[in-house]
């Protein structure tokens, strides 16, 4: 099944006619053939006043509609689902999190995984010890500088062990490079 050109065009024209400044509309087709959805792309999309998300089904959309009316194709991963609805919801959720006022604390979005190119650090709740496992002492110390240092080191550790491909895209300080090498997580001198 392929979605037909004319009904899609009619729908898009109706949408554009209801928006005062239709030039500020970005039309996105959710497709496994699109550019990867990254945090940087999410931040870019959050700047738009209006997004139109086109969700194909099964075989997709008439290619002529894509060529004539779609601004960008975006993929949420290297896999295929039956339709673009779930990828569209993922994109919407990621974009909405960056809109001021959407989260309780705007700093939350800035500290998430990928916001600085790294995976996030571990998080803990109370009690301080459960089933013999303790919250790291530094987090209970009240020393904000040491906590920030620990969090950065944990982010580096997680990224090096789980997604080393992300480290190659970052400019780490010499101290961070040395720390990773010291932890034997990565040999930064040979990369």
Protein backbone atom coordinates (compact mmCIF):
# COMPACT_ATOMS: atom_id res chain seq x y z
CA UNK A 1 0.00 0.00 0.00
CA UNK A 2 1.35 3.41 -1.00
CA UNK A 3 -0.27 6.65 0.16
CA UNK A 4 -1.59 8.64 -2.83
CA UNK A 5 -0.26 12.02 -3.94
CA UNK A 6 -3.47 14.04 -4.32
CA UNK A 7 -5.08 13.39 -0.90
CA UNK A 8 -1.75 14.21 0.76
CA UNK A 9 -1.38 17.42 -1.26
CA UNK A 10 -4.94 18.47 -0.46
CA UNK A 11 -4.34 17.85 3.25
CA UNK A 12 -1.09 19.80 3.25
CA UNK A 13 -2.67 22.74 1.42
CA UNK A 14 -5.47 22.80 4.01
CA UNK A 15 -2.94 22.79 6.84
CA UNK A 16 -0.89 25.56 5.25
CA UNK A 17 -4.02 27.68 4.68
CA UNK A 18 -4.81 27.56 8.40
CA UNK A 19 -1.38 28.87 9.41
CA UNK A 20 -0.77 32.61 9.22
CA UNK A 21 2.87 32.37 8.15
CA UNK A 22 2.93 29.14 6.18
CA UNK A 23 6.52 29.81 5.15
CA UNK A 24 7.52 28.86 8.71
CA UNK A 25 6.13 25.33 8.31
CA UNK A 26 8.56 22.44 8.03
CA UNK A 27 7.20 19.22 6.49
CA UNK A 28 8.91 16.08 7.76
CA UNK A 29 8.36 12.57 6.47
CA UNK A 30 9.18 9.88 9.04
CA UNK A 31 11.03 7.28 7.00
CA UNK A 32 13.75 4.66 7.60
CA UNK A 33 15.49 6.26 4.61
CA UNK A 34 15.77 9.64 6.31
CA UNK A 35 18.51 11.42 8.19
CA UNK A 36 19.02 10.09 11.72
CA UNK A 37 17.09 11.82 14.49
CA UNK A 38 19.72 13.17 16.88
CA UNK A 39 19.56 15.51 19.84
CA UNK A 40 21.08 18.23 17.65
CA UNK A 41 18.33 17.70 15.07
CA UNK A 42 15.71 17.80 17.85
CA UNK A 43 17.12 21.12 19.07
CA UNK A 44 16.94 22.47 15.51
CA UNK A 45 13.33 21.33 15.07
CA UNK A 46 12.33 22.87 18.41
CA UNK A 47 13.01 26.29 16.86
CA UNK A 48 10.21 25.90 14.31
CA UNK A 49 6.79 27.37 15.02
CA UNK A 50 5.04 24.64 12.98
CA UNK A 51 6.02 21.09 12.07
CA UNK A 52 3.93 18.87 9.82
CA UNK A 53 4.76 15.22 10.40
CA UNK A 54 3.91 12.85 7.58
CA UNK A 55 3.51 9.23 8.62
CA UNK A 56 3.62 6.66 5.87
CA UNK A 57 2.13 3.20 6.21
CA UNK A 58 3.62 -0.08 4.93
CA UNK A 59 5.25 0.84 1.60
CA UNK A 60 5.11 4.57 2.31
CA UNK A 61 4.21 7.60 0.27
CA UNK A 62 4.11 8.41 -3.43
CA UNK A 63 7.64 9.59 -4.22
CA UNK A 64 6.33 12.58 -6.17
CA UNK A 65 4.76 13.99 -2.99
CA UNK A 66 8.05 13.59 -1.14
CA UNK A 67 9.97 15.35 -3.90
CA UNK A 68 7.46 18.21 -4.23
CA UNK A 69 6.35 18.86 -0.64
CA UNK A 70 8.60 17.25 1.98
CA UNK A 71 11.40 19.37 3.44
CA UNK A 72 13.20 16.54 5.17
CA UNK A 73 12.99 12.81 5.79
CA UNK A 74 13.91 11.68 9.30
CA UNK A 75 14.58 8.19 10.65
CA UNK A 76 14.44 7.28 14.33
CA UNK A 77 16.78 4.33 13.85
CA UNK A 78 18.08 1.72 11.49
CA UNK A 79 14.97 -0.44 11.59
CA UNK A 80 11.53 -0.54 9.99
CA UNK A 81 8.11 -0.30 11.65
CA UNK A 82 4.71 -0.61 9.99
CA UNK A 83 4.06 3.13 9.96
CA UNK A 84 5.45 6.50 10.89
CA UNK A 85 3.09 7.11 13.82
CA UNK A 86 5.38 5.78 16.56
CA UNK A 87 8.47 7.53 15.15
CA UNK A 88 6.39 10.74 14.93
CA UNK A 89 5.45 10.40 18.60
CA UNK A 90 9.11 9.93 19.49
CA UNK A 91 10.07 13.03 17.53
CA UNK A 92 7.24 15.05 19.12
CA UNK A 93 8.18 14.00 22.64
CA UNK A 94 11.84 14.87 22.06
CA UNK A 95 10.97 18.29 20.59
CA UNK A 96 8.38 19.18 23.23
CA UNK A 97 10.91 18.52 26.03
CA UNK A 98 12.97 21.43 24.66
CA UNK A 99 10.12 23.94 24.56
CA UNK A 100 10.47 26.36 27.50
CA UNK A 101 8.00 25.51 30.25
CA UNK A 102 7.39 21.92 29.09
CA UNK A 103 9.57 20.45 31.84
CA UNK A 104 9.49 21.30 35.51
CA UNK A 105 13.08 22.53 35.29
CA UNK A 106 14.49 23.59 31.92
CA UNK A 107 17.95 22.52 33.14
CA UNK A 108 16.70 18.92 33.02
CA UNK A 109 16.76 18.92 29.21
CA UNK A 110 20.25 20.44 29.16
CA UNK A 111 21.64 17.69 31.38
CA UNK A 112 20.11 14.73 29.48
CA UNK A 113 22.04 12.18 27.46
CA UNK A 114 23.38 13.58 24.18
CA UNK A 115 22.86 17.24 25.15
CA UNK A 116 26.61 17.63 25.58
CA UNK A 117 27.49 14.71 23.32
CA UNK A 118 27.77 12.22 26.19
CA UNK A 119 25.47 9.70 27.79
CA UNK A 120 24.01 10.74 31.15
CA UNK A 121 25.51 9.82 34.52
CA UNK A 122 23.82 7.38 36.92
CA UNK A 123 21.07 8.69 39.20
CA UNK A 124 20.04 7.53 42.68
CA UNK A 125 17.17 7.93 45.14
CA UNK A 126 16.69 7.25 48.84
CA UNK A 127 17.48 5.25 50.89
CA UNK A 128 21.24 5.70 50.81
CA UNK A 129 21.73 1.92 51.06
CA UNK A 130 19.42 -0.73 49.64
CA UNK A 131 20.08 -4.45 49.26
CA UNK A 132 23.69 -3.77 50.25
CA UNK A 133 24.20 -1.22 47.46
CA UNK A 134 25.09 2.32 48.50
CA UNK A 135 24.72 5.67 46.81
CA UNK A 136 28.25 6.90 46.03
CA UNK A 137 29.63 8.86 48.98
CA UNK A 138 30.47 11.90 46.85
CA UNK A 139 26.76 12.39 46.09
CA UNK A 140 26.03 12.54 49.81
CA UNK A 141 28.91 14.89 50.56
CA UNK A 142 27.22 18.19 49.71
CA UNK A 143 30.38 19.27 47.85
CA UNK A 144 28.88 20.58 44.61
CA UNK A 145 32.20 20.93 42.81
CA UNK A 146 33.13 17.31 43.58
CA UNK A 147 29.64 16.14 42.62
CA UNK A 148 29.90 17.95 39.27
CA UNK A 149 33.34 16.39 38.68
CA UNK A 150 32.02 12.91 39.59
CA UNK A 151 29.04 13.33 37.25
CA UNK A 152 31.27 14.38 34.36
CA UNK A 153 33.56 11.41 34.96
CA UNK A 154 30.58 9.06 35.08
CA UNK A 155 29.26 10.48 31.82
CA UNK A 156 32.65 9.91 30.23
CA UNK A 157 32.83 6.37 31.64
CA UNK A 158 29.37 5.42 30.40
CA UNK A 159 29.96 6.88 26.98
CA UNK A 160 33.35 5.19 26.61
CA UNK A 161 31.99 1.81 27.61
CA UNK A 162 28.56 1.93 25.94
CA UNK A 163 28.91 4.31 22.98
CA UNK A 164 32.59 4.92 22.23
CA UNK A 165 31.58 6.22 18.79
CA UNK A 166 30.28 9.36 20.50
CA UNK A 167 33.67 10.18 22.04
CA UNK A 168 35.26 10.46 18.62
CA UNK A 169 32.95 13.40 17.86
CA UNK A 170 33.88 15.38 20.98
CA UNK A 171 36.70 17.70 21.89
CA UNK A 172 37.68 16.49 25.34
CA UNK A 173 40.02 18.37 27.61
CA UNK A 174 43.47 16.93 28.22
CA UNK A 175 42.41 16.12 31.78
CA UNK A 176 39.38 14.20 30.48
CA UNK A 177 41.51 12.34 27.93
CA UNK A 178 44.07 11.49 30.62
CA UNK A 179 41.33 10.35 32.99
CA UNK A 180 39.83 8.02 30.39
CA UNK A 181 43.25 6.60 29.59
CA UNK A 182 43.99 6.17 33.29
CA UNK A 183 40.70 4.31 33.73
CA UNK A 184 41.71 2.13 30.76
CA UNK A 185 38.46 2.98 29.06
CA UNK A 186 40.08 4.26 25.92
CA UNK A 187 43.58 4.87 24.65
CA UNK A 188 43.11 8.46 23.49
CA UNK A 189 46.70 8.70 22.24
CA UNK A 190 46.16 6.07 19.53
CA UNK A 191 42.85 7.41 18.21
